[in-house]
Amino acid sequence: MLDLETRVRDLEAKLAERDAQLADRDAQLAERDAQLAEQAAKLVEQAAQLEKLEKQLAKLTGQLKRNSSNSASGGAPSRSPALTRGLWPCSCGSCGRTLGREAEGEPERRQHIEVPPVRAIVLEGRAYAVRCSCGTITKAEFSQPFGPRPFGVKPVATLAVLVGVFRLSRRQVQYFARTFFGVELVRQHERLGGGPGGLRPTGEGRSPSETKLALGTISKLEQEASDALAPVYTEALDAARASEAALRFARSASR
């Protein structure tokens, strides 16, 4: 009889311990549910913000399309003018009298868009060597912007866009640089003053038709632009994936 009571008390103690463990597990699950609910609320808020941004983007896209159609049909000016020229009638179209400059209402507007000539600015640094009275010859060190490559940020970005976005071949990019920028992409042994291959203004030394163009230079510039944009691309891709996942989760949660 005593053994039976002892066994019953042991079982009751084990059951009480198990109940306590289950209560702790229930509390953990409740806390986890609260965290998930909070995350779901944040995702729903982010989804609402994304939908708001999508509406704003659609509105701006519509405005751009309307502005483009107005510009194409001779409607409102499409850009803020850099210069304005007032045109005034000299004499009356009916009686011929001389007219003053008191406008009657708003003027009719027409825009003339012109692209200024674009020419690359070639800055040449010359590192001179000077002999000291002690007999030592010291040469000046190149500083920025005279780095190991002769190309600045804008030429690299322009050539990368031509190849990567507009899908021009490298030979077409060479022709573009020669035609619109007035520069040649030349081989290393043809560059003025020595050093790595780079830019040379057309008309100096040799004509464009006589200059051998370096296709490998464009490939190096592409890689340079790709390396510079890699961190930004990765960050934007991660943000887009996170936003898309949040939007899907919020839509499924609202059903």
Foldseek 3Di string as FASTA:
>chain_A
DVVVVVVVVVVVVVVVVVVVVVVVVVVVVVVVVVVVVVVLVVLLVLLVVVVVVVVVVVVVVVVVVVLVVCVVVVHDDNDDDPDDDDDDDQADPPPGHGDDPDDDDDDRDDDDDDDDAAADDQDDDDWDWDADPVGDIDTDDDDPPPDLARDDPVVLVVLLCCCPPVVDQLVVSQVCCCPRHQWAFAQQVPDPPGHGTDIDGAPPPDHPVPGDGDSVVSVVSNVVVCVVCVVVVVVVVVVVVVSVVSNVSNVVVVD
